[in-house]
Amino acid sequence: QVQLVESGGGLVQEGGSLTLSCTVSGVSISDAAMAWYRQVPGQQRREEVASILRGGSTLYSDSVEGRFTIARDNAKNTVYLSMNSLKPEDTAVYYCLARPRGTATDYWGQGTQVTVSS
């Protein structure tokens, strides 16, 4: 059974930093594509903000490029999202996603709230 547990969210002032963690069980993250999404309360759409592929290459949305960094620690089976220069528009629930190799199944965490005050 694949499980993802996010942590590290909270309230931060504009310009501040936070690091989110996503600890995975049931699958090795080195054998999966991993991504962070966010969803603004009241909106149905989830925005993909960062991803890291099995080979280690990373992708970022235009809205976070240069401010957010995705990384993984295979030994801890954990993926991180370091967020700097936070803006009020970064306020959202952040979700971790795992897509294991050879499957069409996406696994989601429960989400962690990030609130940026101006």
Protein backbone atom coordinates (compact mmCIF):
# COMPACT_ATOMS: atom_id res chain seq x y z
CA GLN A 1 0.00 0.00 0.00
CA VAL A 2 1.44 3.31 -1.10
CA GLN A 3 1.15 6.18 1.35
CA LEU A 4 2.39 9.77 1.17
CA VAL A 5 2.53 12.04 4.20
CA GLU A 6 3.22 15.75 3.76
CA SER A 7 4.46 18.03 6.50
CA GLY A 8 6.07 21.42 6.96
CA GLY A 9 3.24 23.73 6.04
CA GLY A 10 2.31 26.74 8.11
CA LEU A 11 1.93 30.50 8.26
CA VAL A 12 4.76 32.67 6.99
CA GLN A 13 5.16 36.33 6.13
CA GLU A 14 5.65 37.53 2.58
CA GLY A 15 9.28 37.07 1.57
CA GLY A 16 9.78 34.21 3.98
CA SER A 17 10.69 30.58 3.43
CA LEU A 18 9.27 27.14 4.14
CA THR A 19 10.34 23.61 3.33
CA LEU A 20 7.73 20.94 2.78
CA SER A 21 8.44 17.24 3.18
CA CYS A 22 6.71 14.25 1.63
CA THR A 23 7.58 10.92 3.21
CA VAL A 24 6.60 7.93 1.11
CA SER A 25 5.99 4.31 2.03
CA GLY A 26 5.08 1.36 -0.15
CA VAL A 27 7.18 2.42 -3.13
CA SER A 28 10.73 3.63 -3.60
CA ILE A 29 10.81 7.25 -4.73
CA SER A 30 13.85 6.45 -6.85
CA ASP A 31 11.50 4.30 -8.91
CA ALA A 32 8.80 6.93 -9.29
CA ALA A 33 8.19 10.33 -10.75
CA MET A 34 7.40 12.71 -7.90
CA ALA A 35 5.66 16.06 -7.99
CA TRP A 36 4.21 18.82 -5.85
CA TYR A 37 0.85 20.34 -6.66
CA ARG A 38 -1.12 23.09 -5.01
CA GLN A 39 -4.78 23.94 -4.82
CA VAL A 40 -6.30 27.22 -3.77
CA PRO A 41 -9.33 26.73 -1.51
CA GLY A 42 -12.53 27.10 -3.48
CA GLN A 43 -10.88 26.18 -6.76
CA GLN A 44 -11.15 22.74 -8.31
CA ARG A 45 -7.93 22.87 -10.29
CA ARG A 46 -4.68 21.64 -8.86
CA GLU A 47 -1.59 23.33 -10.25
CA GLU A 48 1.58 21.34 -10.73
CA VAL A 49 4.38 23.50 -9.36
CA ALA A 50 7.40 21.18 -9.40
CA SER A 51 8.35 17.68 -10.43
CA ILE A 52 11.39 15.44 -10.28
CA LEU A 53 11.72 12.50 -12.61
CA ARG A 54 13.38 9.16 -11.91
CA GLY A 55 16.54 10.33 -13.65
CA GLY A 56 16.71 13.39 -11.42
CA SER A 57 15.68 16.06 -13.88
CA THR A 58 13.39 18.75 -12.47
CA LEU A 59 10.63 20.91 -13.89
CA TYR A 60 8.95 24.00 -12.46
CA SER A 61 5.92 26.07 -13.28
CA ASP A 62 6.58 29.62 -14.39
CA SER A 63 4.94 30.91 -11.22
CA VAL A 64 7.59 29.35 -8.94
CA GLU A 65 10.66 29.08 -11.19
CA GLY A 66 13.68 30.50 -9.39
CA ARG A 67 11.97 30.52 -6.00
CA PHE A 68 11.09 26.87 -5.32
CA THR A 69 13.38 23.84 -5.40
CA ILE A 70 12.34 20.20 -5.46
CA ALA A 71 14.75 17.57 -4.17
CA ARG A 72 14.65 14.00 -2.98
CA ASP A 73 16.51 11.93 -0.43
CA ASN A 74 16.33 8.34 -1.60
CA ALA A 75 17.73 7.00 1.67
CA LYS A 76 14.87 8.63 3.59
CA ASN A 77 12.36 7.98 0.79
CA THR A 78 11.37 11.63 1.13
CA VAL A 79 10.81 14.44 -1.34
CA TYR A 80 11.20 18.08 -0.36
CA LEU A 81 9.94 21.38 -1.69
CA SER A 82 12.00 24.36 -0.56
CA MET A 83 10.08 27.57 -1.02
CA ASN A 84 11.76 30.97 -0.86
CA SER A 85 10.60 34.53 -1.47
CA LEU A 86 7.06 33.45 -0.72
CA LYS A 87 4.19 35.58 -1.96
CA PRO A 88 0.57 35.79 -0.81
CA GLU A 89 -0.45 34.15 -4.08
CA ASP A 90 1.50 31.05 -3.01
CA THR A 91 -1.17 30.46 -0.37
CA ALA A 92 -2.72 27.05 -1.03
CA VAL A 93 -2.90 23.46 0.10
CA TYR A 94 0.19 21.68 -1.19
CA TYR A 95 -0.05 18.05 -2.24
CA CYS A 96 2.60 15.48 -3.00
CA LEU A 97 2.14 13.02 -5.85
CA ALA A 98 3.92 9.77 -6.68
CA ARG A 99 3.68 8.01 -10.03
CA PRO A 100 5.51 4.69 -9.83
CA ARG A 101 7.33 3.41 -12.87
CA GLY A 102 5.31 1.11 -15.05
CA THR A 103 1.94 2.17 -13.66
CA ALA A 104 -0.69 4.66 -14.66
CA THR A 105 -1.64 5.15 -11.02
CA ASP A 106 -1.13 8.43 -9.19
CA TYR A 107 -0.88 8.41 -5.42
CA TRP A 108 -1.62 11.56 -3.44
CA GLY A 109 -0.88 12.73 0.05
CA GLN A 110 -3.43 14.41 2.28
CA GLY A 111 -2.04 17.91 1.71
CA THR A 112 -0.47 20.55 3.91
CA GLN A 113 -1.64 24.15 4.17
CA VAL A 114 0.71 27.00 3.34
CA THR A 115 -0.46 30.52 4.14
CA VAL A 116 1.58 33.58 3.20
CA SER A 117 0.55 36.84 4.85
CA SER A 118 1.22 40.24 3.34
